[in-house]
Structure formats: C-alpha cells, structure tokens
Amino acid sequence: MTDLAPLRRALLSVSDKTGLIELGHDLAKRGVELLSTGGSAKALRDAGLDVKDVADVTGFPEMMDGRVKTLHPVVHGGLLARRDLEGHVAAMEEHNIGPIDLLVVNLYPFEEAVAKGADYDTCIENIDIGGPAMIRSSAKNHAFVTVVTDVEDYAALRAELDANDGQTTYAFRQRQAQIAYGRTAAYDTAVSTWMANAIGNKEPRRRTFTGTFTQTLRYGENSHQSAAFYTDGTNRPGVATAQQHQGKELSYNNINDTDAAFELVAEFDPANGPAVAIIKHANPCGVGQGATLLEAYTKAFDCDRTSAFGGIVALNQPLDEDTAKAIVEIFTEVVIAPGASDAAKAVFATKKNLRLLTTDGLPDPQEQSLAYRQVAGGMLVQDKDTDDLRIEDLKVVTKVEPTDDQLKDLLFAWKVAKHTKSNAIVYVKDGATVGVGAGQMSRLDSALIAAKKAERMADAMGLPQPLTIGSAVASDAFFPFADGLMEAAAAGATCVIQPGGSMRDDEVIKAADEAGIAMVFTGTRHFRH
C-alpha cells in the first residue's frame, strides 16, 4: 500500500444527482473511465459523457426492477481486490476483473420516504441493498479505493485530486471510509428503527441511534469539555431546525436550554392565546399567558426577575416589536419563536450578542418519540412524556371543589410542572407562574423555595403580599406527607393538583380539607430527572 492512489476507473451510481454532471465532467477531464448504472448512466450520457454501463461490464443486465445490478463479483472484485497481493491481482486477471479506484454512491431515499409517510411496501422498496454493499467493500479496501457517499464531499474530492496530481492520499481515503461506514450505519439505523415501529416492536433486541454532525461547539457544559452538535433528521420544529438571525454561535448550554424552553411553550396552544416561557438551566423561571405577547412576557418575567437575567425566552407566536423592546431591557441569551416581525428584528439588531432563532412552527407536544440517556455501560430508553391532561381526567378528592378559574390555573401549573426538574412545585395565578421550586431532594424544600421566591418578588415589585396568595399549586408527584401540602397552603395556595397514590393519601386529603383548600388527583406523575 502506498500513500497516493491514482484514479483510473470510477463507478458512479447515485439517487441524489445533485452535482453528478459536474463531477462526471471533472473526472472525465482527468482521464478517468466512468462506469455507471440506470438513471445515473443516462444522466451522464445525456450530458455528453462517455459512460460504460455496469451491465456491459458484468455481462448481466439489470433485473428484478433494478434490485439486482451491482451485486456481482466483477463489481465487488474490482472494489475489494488488494493491488499489492499477487493472488488478488492474478484472480483479477483470470476472471477479467478490472480495478475500480473510486466509488461515488448515495443511497435510495429511504429516510425521505419514511418522512413523507409512505406506506409499508413503498418504504421496503426504498431500502438500498447494492449501494451499502459497494460502500462497505470500498471502505474496507480504502488502502486503494476512494469512496464518496455525500454530495457535500464532491468539492473535497476535487481539491484532493488537484493537490495530488489526480491521486488521493491515504489520510483522505481513511476519512472517506469512516464517513462511508457512518452513512451505512445511519441508514441501517433508519431502516431498523422504522421497521420496529411499523411492526409494533417497542423493545427491539438491538437499538441504534444516529446523528448528523452540524457544528463543533466552543465547549460543553464547562470550558474543559469538548462538544459538538448532531441532528437526528426528524425535522421537529426547534433549536435543531431553527434559523438563527443574529448573535454569536450557540453554546452547548444554549442549545440544551433553548430546547427546554421551546418544548415547554409548545404546551400552550397559540389558538388559546400568546404564551411565553423563560428558562434558566433547563428549568422554568417564569411562564405566562396573556391577551398579547407583551402581557404574557411580563407575567413570565414577574415570576422571577432575578433568574430571568441571562435566560432563554420562548414564545408560542411570532415575536412582535413591543415584546422585543421589553425583552432587550435585560440581558437575554436566546429568543426562539415561530417567526418574528421585521420591526422586532430591528429592535434585536441593537443587541449584537442576543441570539434570535425562528422556526416554521411549534413542536407537537403529543408527537411520539423516544427519549434516551446514557449511563455507564448502557442506555436508558423511554417514550417521551406526551401525557395530555384534560379537566375530565381530574378526580376531586376534597370536600371543596375547584372553581372553573382554579381548574384553568391547575392545568396551567400541571403543564409547567411537566417541564420542571423533580422534585417540582409550581404556583400559578391568573395564567402565570408566581413561584417555581425545582430539582430539590425534598418536595417540602421545593415548596419552601418557590414560596420564598414569590415573597422576594413581592418585595421587589412593591406588592402588599406575594402572588402565591390565592394561587393554584402543582406537584409533579404525590405528596408523601402532608407537610409539603401544608407549606403550599401556608404560602396561600387555595387549590392543589397532584398525582395521588401515596400510602398517606388519606392524611394529605384530610389536611387539605382542614385547610379548606380544593385538591384534585391526576393519576399520572411528571418526574423529570
């Protein structure tokens, strides 16, 4: 094996024909013989290029609707033969197998077929067989063969050939081989995942995950950690698919927190009015609904003005000028919304470090997907929490029943608690959070912290009493003892929503009755670790 490998013969067979003609012309000018199949051969030939059909090389026509065309020893022998082994060279000569030095293949559009909702049989027909086989053969023999699987690498190939007098370096072939194996792995992952879903297998024996590199991040959660961002190709509206209009590059923490903010605000249907969520360290520090976005933002901001500094703001409707003016009054890291007016963009343009992201819409909170987390030696996989609680699902367990207005605030609080790290306690009043306690080891401590924050905000705003007076409170899991409930009552809560299911439910219900507050059970919890 030598470092430089010349290109004398290339096989081009692509589904995505972007850049194919330009690449074909460039190779032909370098004296490279072109082999091709089906539509690729026709496109090259129509462009005036001299192309030899693979069927003419193998002596077998394409058959079975194109399923069989490159699965032949003449093709794979040309890709796999080692040029430095006498036995391989002799076998090539004996069986009239010509070496193939470059393979350019991109695969049948299986992922696109699935994304478009194609039926089962159509998806099956879009599973490529010959392409992955040739890619793997070429990648294995990268000591001699160059493989290109992505259109975006055509320019790199040309640059490599220009720099090395029509040859490729071993380092380049190694890089391309790694990319090629990543592509076939991702492709097989897509097929396996789709089929598991199609046949209803929720626990397949082997589960794989894949992503496509998007960018290198400056660092991870901390400056001593390296990090990168990968997308999964699902096109779910959010930080991965958003357009960034201004501001410096997003950091690891920015991406994580922006995702948390947008997923939370998406819980509030725009048809029911504007909603705004402010997030800090993946936890809500304020969520509000109002008649306008500005009112919703103000309500969210007034929950915890201190924590909102340097936070992430997510909106469920396009950003307008008035709201933009309010947001820039304090330092904000990122704003994400399903659109923004030109006037709002102009306001943000005065704050060059503020990132503005816009999307084509909101993510669907009920869309089924998988959530996974790495642990030492394995991966935890679960369905995404898509629980959608309705008023009719609630069970009133106290003597006092909640009013219609209280039920609205209870459901609001429940949605926010779903997106708050456990143990979570969320106080809500008039369509806005007024106290949030998150991530504590004790539910009692979460209730205390949320109430204390509300007291601090009341002092800062010059209010006579904290807004937790007369509020609704949500607990993401059951109260194991009555103490947490009593702390909420002491903070002024008049109604409570919680899952129920504690061994001491009777004790907790009795305490609620004695305090004269209404309480409903959901029967489901929202742990978020």
Protein backbone atom coordinates (compact mmCIF):
# COMPACT_ATOMS: atom_id res chain seq x y z
CA MET A 1 0.00 0.00 0.00
CA THR A 2 1.34 3.42 -0.97
CA ASP A 3 0.18 6.77 0.32
CA LEU A 4 -1.01 8.04 -3.07
CA ALA A 5 -3.58 6.08 -5.08
CA PRO A 6 -4.36 7.09 -8.68
CA LEU A 7 -7.89 7.23 -10.06
CA ARG A 8 -8.20 5.42 -13.37
CA ARG A 9 -11.69 3.94 -13.13
CA ALA A 10 -14.74 5.20 -11.23
CA LEU A 11 -18.20 3.80 -10.57
CA LEU A 12 -20.91 6.44 -10.11
CA SER A 13 -24.38 5.33 -9.01
CA VAL A 14 -26.45 7.91 -7.15
CA SER A 15 -30.06 8.59 -6.20
CA ASP A 16 -29.41 12.26 -5.47
CA LYS A 17 -27.98 13.55 -8.73
CA THR A 18 -27.02 16.96 -7.37
CA GLY A 19 -23.56 17.78 -8.72
CA LEU A 20 -23.28 14.49 -10.61
CA ILE A 21 -22.78 16.03 -14.06
CA GLU A 22 -20.13 18.46 -12.83
CA LEU A 23 -18.28 15.66 -11.07
CA GLY A 24 -18.53 13.41 -14.12
CA HIS A 25 -17.05 16.10 -16.38
CA ASP A 26 -14.23 16.76 -13.92
CA LEU A 27 -13.32 13.06 -13.71
CA ALA A 28 -13.50 12.63 -17.46
CA LYS A 29 -11.12 15.57 -17.97
CA ARG A 30 -8.66 13.75 -15.74
CA GLY A 31 -8.85 10.67 -17.94
CA VAL A 32 -10.92 8.59 -15.50
CA GLU A 33 -13.05 5.86 -17.09
CA LEU A 34 -16.69 6.16 -15.96
CA LEU A 35 -18.91 3.23 -15.06
CA SER A 36 -22.50 3.77 -14.03
CA THR A 37 -25.97 2.30 -13.66
CA GLY A 38 -29.57 3.12 -14.57
CA GLY A 39 -30.60 6.73 -14.15
CA SER A 40 -27.09 7.88 -13.27
CA ALA A 41 -25.70 6.46 -16.52
CA LYS A 42 -28.48 8.12 -18.51
CA ALA A 43 -27.91 11.49 -16.87
CA LEU A 44 -24.18 11.34 -17.54
CA ARG A 45 -24.69 10.19 -21.11
CA ASP A 46 -27.28 12.90 -21.75
CA ALA A 47 -24.64 15.39 -20.61
CA GLY A 48 -22.33 14.19 -23.36
CA LEU A 49 -20.09 12.00 -21.27
CA ASP A 50 -18.71 8.63 -22.33
CA VAL A 51 -20.11 6.14 -19.84
CA LYS A 52 -19.93 2.37 -19.69
CA ASP A 53 -22.94 0.56 -18.21
CA VAL A 54 -22.17 -1.79 -15.33
CA ALA A 55 -24.35 -4.36 -17.11
CA ASP A 56 -21.88 -4.35 -20.02
CA VAL A 57 -19.01 -4.95 -17.59
CA THR A 58 -20.69 -7.77 -15.65
CA GLY A 59 -22.33 -9.40 -18.67
CA PHE A 60 -25.64 -9.45 -16.83
CA PRO A 61 -28.50 -7.00 -17.38
CA GLU A 62 -30.17 -5.10 -14.59
CA MET A 63 -33.07 -7.26 -13.45
CA MET A 64 -35.90 -7.59 -10.95
CA ASP A 65 -36.89 -3.93 -11.25
CA GLY A 66 -33.31 -2.84 -10.63
CA ARG A 67 -32.93 -4.86 -7.44
CA VAL A 68 -30.01 -6.75 -8.99
CA LYS A 69 -27.42 -4.79 -10.93
CA THR A 70 -24.19 -4.28 -8.95
CA LEU A 71 -24.30 -7.45 -6.81
CA HIS A 72 -21.69 -9.21 -8.94
CA PRO A 73 -18.09 -10.47 -8.46
CA VAL A 74 -16.84 -8.23 -11.26
CA VAL A 75 -18.02 -5.16 -9.31
CA HIS A 76 -17.07 -6.27 -5.82
CA GLY A 77 -13.86 -7.88 -7.02
CA GLY A 78 -12.89 -4.57 -8.59
CA LEU A 79 -13.60 -2.78 -5.30
CA LEU A 80 -12.17 -5.33 -2.86
CA ALA A 81 -9.05 -6.56 -4.64
CA ARG A 82 -5.80 -5.57 -2.99
CA ARG A 83 -3.42 -4.27 -5.59
CA ASP A 84 -0.36 -5.32 -3.58
CA LEU A 85 -1.17 -9.05 -3.32
CA GLU A 86 -0.14 -11.31 -6.18
CA GLY A 87 -3.02 -13.68 -5.55
CA HIS A 88 -5.60 -10.88 -5.81
CA VAL A 89 -4.01 -9.49 -8.95
CA ALA A 90 -3.90 -12.95 -10.52
CA ALA A 91 -7.56 -13.56 -9.71
CA MET A 92 -8.50 -10.26 -11.33
CA GLU A 93 -6.60 -11.17 -14.49
CA GLU A 94 -8.01 -14.70 -14.60
CA HIS A 95 -11.64 -13.53 -14.27
CA ASN A 96 -11.29 -10.34 -16.29
CA ILE A 97 -12.00 -8.09 -13.30
CA GLY A 98 -10.90 -4.50 -13.69
CA PRO A 99 -9.98 -2.47 -10.61
CA ILE A 100 -12.37 0.27 -9.52
CA ASP A 101 -10.48 3.09 -7.83
CA LEU A 102 -13.34 5.44 -6.96
CA LEU A 103 -16.88 4.70 -5.85
CA VAL A 104 -19.42 7.52 -5.74
CA VAL A 105 -22.71 6.27 -4.29
CA ASN A 106 -25.57 7.81 -2.37
CA LEU A 107 -28.38 5.59 -1.30
CA TYR A 108 -32.05 5.15 -2.14
CA PRO A 109 -34.02 7.87 -0.33
CA PHE A 110 -35.38 5.62 2.42
CA GLU A 111 -35.38 8.31 5.12
CA GLU A 112 -37.24 10.69 2.83
CA ALA A 113 -39.88 8.05 2.05
CA VAL A 114 -40.48 7.49 5.77
CA ALA A 115 -40.60 11.24 6.45
CA LYS A 116 -43.28 11.63 3.77
CA GLY A 117 -45.41 8.95 5.41
CA ALA A 118 -45.03 6.39 2.62
CA ASP A 119 -46.81 3.07 3.11
CA TYR A 120 -45.03 -0.09 4.23
CA ASP A 121 -44.43 -1.55 0.76
CA THR A 122 -43.10 1.74 -0.60
CA CYS A 123 -40.66 2.03 2.29
CA ILE A 124 -39.47 -1.52 1.69
CA GLU A 125 -38.79 -0.75 -1.97
CA ASN A 126 -36.71 2.25 -0.90
CA ILE A 127 -34.29 0.07 1.07
CA ASP A 128 -30.99 0.07 -0.83
CA ILE A 129 -29.07 -3.22 -0.97
CA GLY A 130 -26.40 -2.91 -3.64
CA GLY A 131 -25.37 0.59 -2.58
CA PRO A 132 -24.46 -0.25 1.02
CA ALA A 133 -22.70 -3.42 -0.13
CA MET A 134 -20.48 -1.48 -2.54
CA ILE A 135 -19.85 1.26 0.02
CA ARG A 136 -18.71 -1.26 2.61
CA SER A 137 -16.49 -3.04 0.11
CA SER A 138 -14.82 0.22 -0.92
CA ALA A 139 -14.44 1.45 2.64
CA LYS A 140 -12.83 -1.80 3.73
CA ASN A 141 -10.34 -1.56 0.88
CA HIS A 142 -9.56 2.11 1.49
CA ALA A 143 -5.87 1.31 1.20
CA PHE A 144 -6.50 1.50 -2.55
CA VAL A 145 -10.08 2.70 -3.13
CA THR A 146 -11.66 6.11 -2.54
CA VAL A 147 -15.34 6.15 -1.56
CA VAL A 148 -17.64 9.19 -1.58
CA THR A 149 -21.16 8.91 -0.17
CA ASP A 150 -22.20 12.55 0.36
CA VAL A 151 -22.69 15.24 -2.25
CA GLU A 152 -21.04 17.71 0.12
CA ASP A 153 -17.74 15.81 -0.31
CA TYR A 154 -17.53 16.25 -4.09
CA ALA A 155 -15.67 19.54 -3.64
CA ALA A 156 -13.25 17.93 -1.19
CA LEU A 157 -12.56 15.16 -3.70
CA ARG A 158 -11.78 17.67 -6.44
CA ALA A 159 -9.49 19.60 -4.13
CA GLU A 160 -7.69 16.39 -3.18
CA LEU A 161 -7.18 15.44 -6.83
CA ASP A 162 -5.97 18.94 -7.68
CA ALA A 163 -3.47 18.88 -4.84
CA ASN A 164 -2.08 15.43 -5.69
CA ASP A 165 -1.98 15.31 -9.47
CA GLY A 166 -5.13 13.21 -9.83
CA GLN A 167 -4.42 10.95 -6.86
CA THR A 168 -5.77 10.65 -3.33
CA THR A 169 -3.81 10.38 -0.11
CA TYR A 170 -4.22 7.57 2.39
CA ALA A 171 -5.43 10.06 5.02
CA PHE A 172 -8.14 11.27 2.66
CA ARG A 173 -9.24 7.71 1.89
CA GLN A 174 -9.32 6.88 5.59
CA ARG A 175 -11.53 9.88 6.29
CA GLN A 176 -13.87 8.97 3.46
CA ALA A 177 -14.05 5.35 4.62
CA GLN A 178 -15.07 6.47 8.11
CA ILE A 179 -17.74 8.76 6.64
CA ALA A 180 -18.95 5.87 4.49
CA TYR A 181 -19.34 3.47 7.40
CA GLY A 182 -21.12 6.20 9.35
CA ARG A 183 -23.53 6.61 6.44
CA THR A 184 -24.35 2.91 6.14
CA ALA A 185 -24.71 2.67 9.92
CA ALA A 186 -27.13 5.60 9.91
CA TYR A 187 -29.02 4.09 7.00
CA ASP A 188 -29.38 0.72 8.71
CA THR A 189 -30.41 2.50 11.89
CA ALA A 190 -33.16 4.31 10.00
CA VAL A 191 -34.41 1.06 8.49
CA SER A 192 -34.26 -0.86 11.76
CA THR A 193 -36.00 1.90 13.74
CA TRP A 194 -38.73 2.31 11.13
CA MET A 195 -39.37 -1.42 10.95
CA ALA A 196 -39.53 -1.77 14.74
CA ASN A 197 -42.19 0.95 14.79
CA ALA A 198 -44.01 -0.47 11.78
CA ILE A 199 -44.41 -3.90 13.36
CA GLY A 200 -45.08 -2.55 16.85
CA ASN A 201 -41.89 -3.85 18.46
CA LYS A 202 -41.33 -1.40 21.31
CA GLU A 203 -38.34 -3.29 22.69
CA PRO A 204 -36.22 -4.45 19.75
CA ARG A 205 -33.32 -6.73 20.64
CA ARG A 206 -30.84 -4.17 19.34
CA ARG A 207 -31.49 -0.45 19.17
CA THR A 208 -29.20 2.02 17.49
CA PHE A 209 -29.03 5.79 17.48
CA THR A 210 -27.55 8.08 14.89
CA GLY A 211 -26.97 11.74 14.22
CA THR A 212 -25.54 14.01 11.55
CA PHE A 213 -22.80 16.43 12.51
CA THR A 214 -23.92 20.04 12.45
CA GLN A 215 -21.24 22.03 14.21
CA THR A 216 -18.36 21.98 16.65
CA LEU A 217 -19.28 23.82 19.83
CA ARG A 218 -16.83 26.07 21.66
CA TYR A 219 -17.04 23.71 24.63
CA GLY A 220 -19.53 21.55 26.50
CA GLU A 221 -21.30 22.28 29.76
CA ASN A 222 -17.95 23.54 31.05
CA SER A 223 -14.94 25.04 29.32
CA HIS A 224 -12.74 21.96 29.81
CA GLN A 225 -15.23 19.70 27.94
CA SER A 226 -15.21 19.38 24.16
CA ALA A 227 -18.60 19.17 22.44
CA ALA A 228 -20.39 19.03 19.10
CA PHE A 229 -23.97 19.26 17.88
CA TYR A 230 -25.63 16.49 15.87
CA THR A 231 -29.11 16.45 14.35
CA ASP A 232 -31.35 13.40 14.04
CA GLY A 233 -33.08 14.29 10.79
CA THR A 234 -36.61 14.32 12.20
CA ASN A 235 -37.20 17.99 11.26
CA ARG A 236 -39.12 18.60 14.50
CA PRO A 237 -39.52 22.38 14.91
CA GLY A 238 -37.00 23.55 17.45
CA VAL A 239 -33.43 24.60 18.04
CA ALA A 240 -32.00 21.99 15.66
CA THR A 241 -34.04 23.20 12.69
CA ALA A 242 -34.34 26.90 13.54
CA GLN A 243 -32.90 29.77 11.54
CA GLN A 244 -30.50 31.95 13.52
CA HIS A 245 -30.87 35.60 12.51
CA GLN A 246 -28.21 37.19 14.69
CA GLY A 247 -25.92 36.75 17.63
CA LYS A 248 -22.86 34.64 18.29
CA GLU A 249 -22.74 30.90 17.91
CA LEU A 250 -24.95 28.89 20.24
CA SER A 251 -23.20 27.07 23.06
CA TYR A 252 -23.90 23.59 24.43
CA ASN A 253 -25.92 25.05 27.30
CA ASN A 254 -27.73 27.48 24.98
CA ILE A 255 -28.91 24.61 22.80
CA ASN A 256 -30.00 22.50 25.75
CA ASP A 257 -31.88 25.34 27.44
CA THR A 258 -33.45 26.63 24.23
CA ASP A 259 -34.82 23.18 23.52
CA ALA A 260 -36.29 23.01 27.03
CA ALA A 261 -37.88 26.44 26.63
CA PHE A 262 -39.46 25.78 23.24
CA GLU A 263 -40.80 22.36 24.24
CA LEU A 264 -42.42 23.96 27.30
CA VAL A 265 -44.04 26.88 25.50
CA ALA A 266 -45.36 24.48 22.84
CA GLU A 267 -47.62 23.02 25.54
CA PHE A 268 -49.71 26.17 25.20
CA ASP A 269 -51.77 26.16 22.02
CA PRO A 270 -51.43 29.52 20.21
CA ALA A 271 -55.16 29.31 19.46
CA ASN A 272 -55.74 29.82 23.19
CA GLY A 273 -53.62 32.96 23.30
CA PRO A 274 -49.99 34.07 23.46
CA ALA A 275 -47.67 32.31 25.89
CA VAL A 276 -44.07 32.93 26.91
CA ALA A 277 -41.64 30.75 28.84
CA ILE A 278 -38.37 31.93 30.36
CA ILE A 279 -35.86 29.17 31.10
CA LYS A 280 -32.66 29.06 33.14
CA HIS A 281 -30.58 25.90 33.35
CA ALA A 282 -33.37 23.85 31.70
CA ASN A 283 -35.88 24.89 34.40
CA PRO A 284 -38.69 27.43 34.01
CA CYS A 285 -38.20 30.64 35.99
CA GLY A 286 -41.41 32.08 34.59
CA VAL A 287 -44.29 31.14 32.28
CA GLY A 288 -47.21 33.36 31.38
CA GLN A 289 -50.26 33.62 29.14
CA GLY A 290 -51.92 36.89 28.20
CA ALA A 291 -54.03 38.79 25.72
CA THR A 292 -50.82 39.88 23.98
CA LEU A 293 -47.28 38.54 23.80
CA LEU A 294 -46.10 41.54 25.79
CA GLU A 295 -48.56 40.75 28.58
CA ALA A 296 -47.52 37.09 28.52
CA TYR A 297 -43.83 38.05 28.67
CA THR A 298 -44.42 40.50 31.51
CA LYS A 299 -46.27 37.84 33.53
CA ALA A 300 -43.48 35.33 32.94
CA PHE A 301 -40.79 37.88 33.81
CA ASP A 302 -42.52 38.95 37.01
CA CYS A 303 -42.38 35.42 38.42
CA ASP A 304 -38.61 35.61 38.99
CA ARG A 305 -36.90 38.68 37.56
CA THR A 306 -33.56 37.73 39.08
CA SER A 307 -33.37 34.32 37.41
CA ALA A 308 -34.66 35.71 34.10
CA PHE A 309 -31.37 37.61 33.71
CA GLY A 310 -29.29 35.71 31.16
CA GLY A 311 -32.17 33.33 30.45
CA ILE A 312 -33.77 31.82 27.36
CA VAL A 313 -37.12 33.20 26.16
CA ALA A 314 -39.51 31.06 24.10
CA LEU A 315 -42.75 32.30 22.53
CA ASN A 316 -45.65 30.35 21.05
CA GLN A 317 -46.43 33.10 18.50
CA PRO A 318 -44.26 35.25 16.22
CA LEU A 319 -42.25 37.90 18.06
CA ASP A 320 -43.59 41.45 17.72
CA GLU A 321 -41.92 44.82 18.24
CA ASP A 322 -43.43 45.64 21.63
CA THR A 323 -42.36 42.32 23.13
CA ALA A 324 -38.91 42.64 21.59
CA LYS A 325 -38.48 46.04 23.25
CA ALA A 326 -39.38 44.56 26.64
CA ILE A 327 -37.03 41.59 26.21
CA VAL A 328 -33.97 43.74 25.44
CA GLU A 329 -34.38 45.69 28.65
CA ILE A 330 -32.37 42.95 30.38
CA PHE A 331 -29.60 40.64 29.21
CA THR A 332 -31.11 37.63 27.45
CA GLU A 333 -29.10 34.81 25.86
CA VAL A 334 -31.54 33.41 23.27
CA VAL A 335 -35.04 34.10 22.00
CA ILE A 336 -36.85 31.42 19.99
CA ALA A 337 -40.23 31.88 18.33
CA PRO A 338 -42.24 30.63 15.34
CA GLY A 339 -41.37 33.78 13.40
CA ALA A 340 -40.51 37.43 14.05
CA SER A 341 -41.63 40.70 12.50
CA ASP A 342 -39.13 42.95 10.72
CA ALA A 343 -39.70 45.57 13.40
CA ALA A 344 -38.86 43.04 16.13
CA LYS A 345 -35.70 42.03 14.27
CA ALA A 346 -34.70 45.68 14.04
CA VAL A 347 -35.05 46.03 17.81
CA PHE A 348 -32.87 42.98 18.39
CA ALA A 349 -30.27 44.22 15.90
CA THR A 350 -29.18 46.75 18.53
CA LYS A 351 -28.12 43.84 20.78
CA LYS A 352 -25.49 42.04 18.73
CA ASN A 353 -24.92 39.22 21.24
CA LEU A 354 -28.61 38.33 21.57
CA ARG A 355 -29.41 35.25 19.50
CA LEU A 356 -32.73 35.24 17.67
CA LEU A 357 -33.99 31.90 16.36
CA THR A 358 -37.14 31.39 14.33
CA THR A 359 -38.85 28.18 13.32
CA ASP A 360 -41.54 27.13 10.88
CA GLY A 361 -43.90 26.24 13.70
CA LEU A 362 -44.19 24.72 17.16
CA PRO A 363 -43.26 21.16 18.09
CA ASP A 364 -46.24 18.90 18.72
CA PRO A 365 -46.28 18.04 22.46
CA GLN A 366 -48.16 14.81 21.69
CA GLU A 367 -45.84 13.62 18.94
CA GLN A 368 -44.49 10.21 19.88
CA SER A 369 -40.72 9.87 20.02
CA LEU A 370 -38.04 8.31 22.16
CA ALA A 371 -36.05 9.93 24.94
CA TYR A 372 -32.77 8.36 25.88
CA ARG A 373 -29.98 8.91 28.34
CA GLN A 374 -26.56 7.36 28.58
CA VAL A 375 -25.49 5.63 31.78
CA ALA A 376 -22.26 3.77 32.48
CA GLY A 377 -22.35 0.66 30.33
CA GLY A 378 -25.71 1.27 28.73
CA MET A 379 -28.57 3.46 27.58
CA LEU A 380 -31.94 4.19 29.13
CA VAL A 381 -34.71 4.47 26.55
CA GLN A 382 -38.29 5.54 27.15
CA ASP A 383 -41.26 7.07 25.37
CA LYS A 384 -41.36 10.85 25.50
CA ASP A 385 -43.74 12.20 28.16
CA THR A 386 -46.71 13.15 26.00
CA ASP A 387 -49.39 12.99 28.68
CA ASP A 388 -52.16 15.46 27.84
CA LEU A 389 -54.31 16.04 30.89
CA ARG A 390 -57.86 17.34 30.49
CA ILE A 391 -60.35 18.62 33.03
CA GLU A 392 -62.46 15.49 32.69
CA ASP A 393 -59.43 13.39 33.73
CA LEU A 394 -59.24 15.05 37.13
CA LYS A 395 -60.59 13.45 40.29
CA VAL A 396 -61.70 15.83 43.04
CA VAL A 397 -60.78 14.27 46.40
CA THR A 398 -61.60 17.09 48.83
CA LYS A 399 -64.80 18.50 50.21
CA VAL A 400 -64.15 21.79 48.44
CA GLU A 401 -64.31 21.61 44.65
CA PRO A 402 -62.15 23.88 42.49
CA THR A 403 -63.84 26.67 40.56
CA ASP A 404 -63.59 26.94 36.77
CA ASP A 405 -60.89 29.59 37.07
CA GLN A 406 -58.97 27.45 39.53
CA LEU A 407 -59.17 24.46 37.18
CA LYS A 408 -57.60 26.54 34.42
CA ASP A 409 -54.72 27.54 36.69
CA LEU A 410 -54.32 23.97 37.93
CA LEU A 411 -53.94 22.66 34.39
CA PHE A 412 -51.54 25.51 33.61
CA ALA A 413 -49.43 24.62 36.64
CA TRP A 414 -49.50 20.95 35.69
CA LYS A 415 -48.10 21.71 32.23
CA VAL A 416 -45.27 23.74 33.72
CA ALA A 417 -44.52 21.06 36.33
CA LYS A 418 -44.14 18.56 33.48
CA HIS A 419 -41.13 20.58 32.29
CA THR A 420 -39.62 21.30 35.70
CA LYS A 421 -36.93 19.15 37.26
CA SER A 422 -38.22 16.91 40.03
CA ASN A 423 -39.00 17.41 42.80
CA ALA A 424 -41.15 20.16 41.32
CA ILE A 425 -43.60 22.54 42.94
CA VAL A 426 -45.25 25.19 40.74
CA TYR A 427 -47.54 28.00 41.94
CA VAL A 428 -49.79 29.63 39.31
CA LYS A 429 -52.23 32.52 39.50
CA ASP A 430 -54.29 34.03 36.68
CA GLY A 431 -52.41 32.28 33.90
CA ALA A 432 -48.88 32.90 35.15
CA THR A 433 -46.36 31.16 37.34
CA VAL A 434 -45.81 33.04 40.59
CA GLY A 435 -43.39 30.62 42.22
CA VAL A 436 -41.31 27.67 40.97
CA GLY A 437 -39.35 25.23 43.10
CA ALA A 438 -37.24 22.77 41.09
CA GLY A 439 -34.74 19.98 41.42
CA GLN A 440 -34.77 19.57 45.18
CA MET A 441 -34.24 16.33 47.03
CA SER A 442 -37.30 17.08 49.17
CA ARG A 443 -40.73 18.13 47.91
CA LEU A 444 -41.07 20.19 51.07
CA ASP A 445 -37.94 22.14 50.15
CA SER A 446 -39.30 22.79 46.65
CA ALA A 447 -42.49 24.21 48.15
CA LEU A 448 -40.48 26.39 50.53
CA ILE A 449 -38.13 27.69 47.83
CA ALA A 450 -40.99 28.53 45.45
CA ALA A 451 -42.84 30.40 48.19
CA LYS A 452 -39.69 32.24 49.26
CA LYS A 453 -39.07 33.39 45.68
CA ALA A 454 -42.63 34.69 45.49
CA GLU A 455 -42.10 36.67 48.70
CA ARG A 456 -38.88 38.16 47.33
CA MET A 457 -40.60 39.18 44.09
CA ALA A 458 -43.46 40.79 46.01
CA ASP A 459 -40.95 42.92 47.93
CA ALA A 460 -39.11 43.86 44.72
CA MET A 461 -42.37 44.86 42.99
CA GLY A 462 -43.76 46.70 45.99
CA LEU A 463 -46.73 44.38 46.35
CA PRO A 464 -48.55 44.13 49.67
CA GLN A 465 -48.41 40.33 49.60
CA PRO A 466 -46.89 37.56 47.48
CA LEU A 467 -48.83 36.40 44.46
CA THR A 468 -48.97 32.87 45.87
CA ILE A 469 -51.91 34.12 47.94
CA GLY A 470 -54.94 32.65 46.19
CA SER A 471 -52.82 30.57 43.81
CA ALA A 472 -53.06 27.07 42.39
CA VAL A 473 -50.17 24.71 43.06
CA ALA A 474 -48.95 21.65 41.17
CA SER A 475 -46.76 18.87 42.48
CA ASP A 476 -45.17 16.67 39.81
CA ALA A 477 -45.50 13.59 42.04
CA PHE A 478 -47.56 12.72 45.08
CA PHE A 479 -47.09 14.33 48.47
CA PRO A 480 -45.57 11.56 50.62
CA PHE A 481 -46.54 13.50 53.75
CA ALA A 482 -48.88 16.35 54.49
CA ASP A 483 -46.02 18.76 55.28
CA GLY A 484 -45.43 19.77 51.67
CA LEU A 485 -49.12 20.41 51.15
CA MET A 486 -49.31 22.45 54.34
CA GLU A 487 -46.35 24.56 53.21
CA ALA A 488 -48.22 25.31 49.99
CA ALA A 489 -51.31 26.22 52.00
CA ALA A 490 -49.20 28.48 54.22
CA ALA A 491 -47.93 30.22 51.08
CA GLY A 492 -51.57 30.99 50.23
CA ALA A 493 -52.45 28.26 47.73
CA THR A 494 -56.18 27.58 47.56
CA CYS A 495 -56.14 24.55 45.28
CA VAL A 496 -53.75 21.72 44.50
CA ILE A 497 -53.15 19.31 41.65
CA GLN A 498 -51.07 16.20 42.25
CA PRO A 499 -50.94 12.59 41.05
CA GLY A 500 -52.11 10.92 44.23
CA GLY A 501 -51.11 7.37 45.06
CA SER A 502 -49.24 7.88 48.33
CA MET A 503 -49.68 5.48 51.24
CA ARG A 504 -50.69 8.59 53.18
CA ASP A 505 -53.21 9.98 50.68
CA ASP A 506 -55.90 9.92 53.36
CA GLU A 507 -53.68 12.00 55.64
CA VAL A 508 -52.93 14.50 52.87
CA ILE A 509 -56.61 14.78 51.86
CA LYS A 510 -57.59 15.33 55.49
CA ALA A 511 -55.01 18.12 55.79
CA ALA A 512 -56.39 19.76 52.65
CA ASP A 513 -59.92 19.58 53.99
CA GLU A 514 -58.83 21.08 57.30
CA ALA A 515 -57.12 23.92 55.43
CA GLY A 516 -60.24 24.46 53.33
CA ILE A 517 -58.46 24.02 50.01
CA ALA A 518 -59.51 22.05 46.95
CA MET A 519 -57.38 19.19 45.68
CA VAL A 520 -57.54 17.05 42.54
CA PHE A 521 -55.69 13.85 41.63
CA THR A 522 -54.40 13.20 38.12
CA GLY A 523 -53.45 9.54 38.41
CA THR A 524 -50.24 10.26 36.50
CA ARG A 525 -46.98 11.91 37.50
CA HIS A 526 -44.37 14.02 35.70
CA PHE A 527 -40.96 13.08 37.09
CA ARG A 528 -38.25 14.88 35.11
CA HIS A 529 -34.71 13.99 36.11
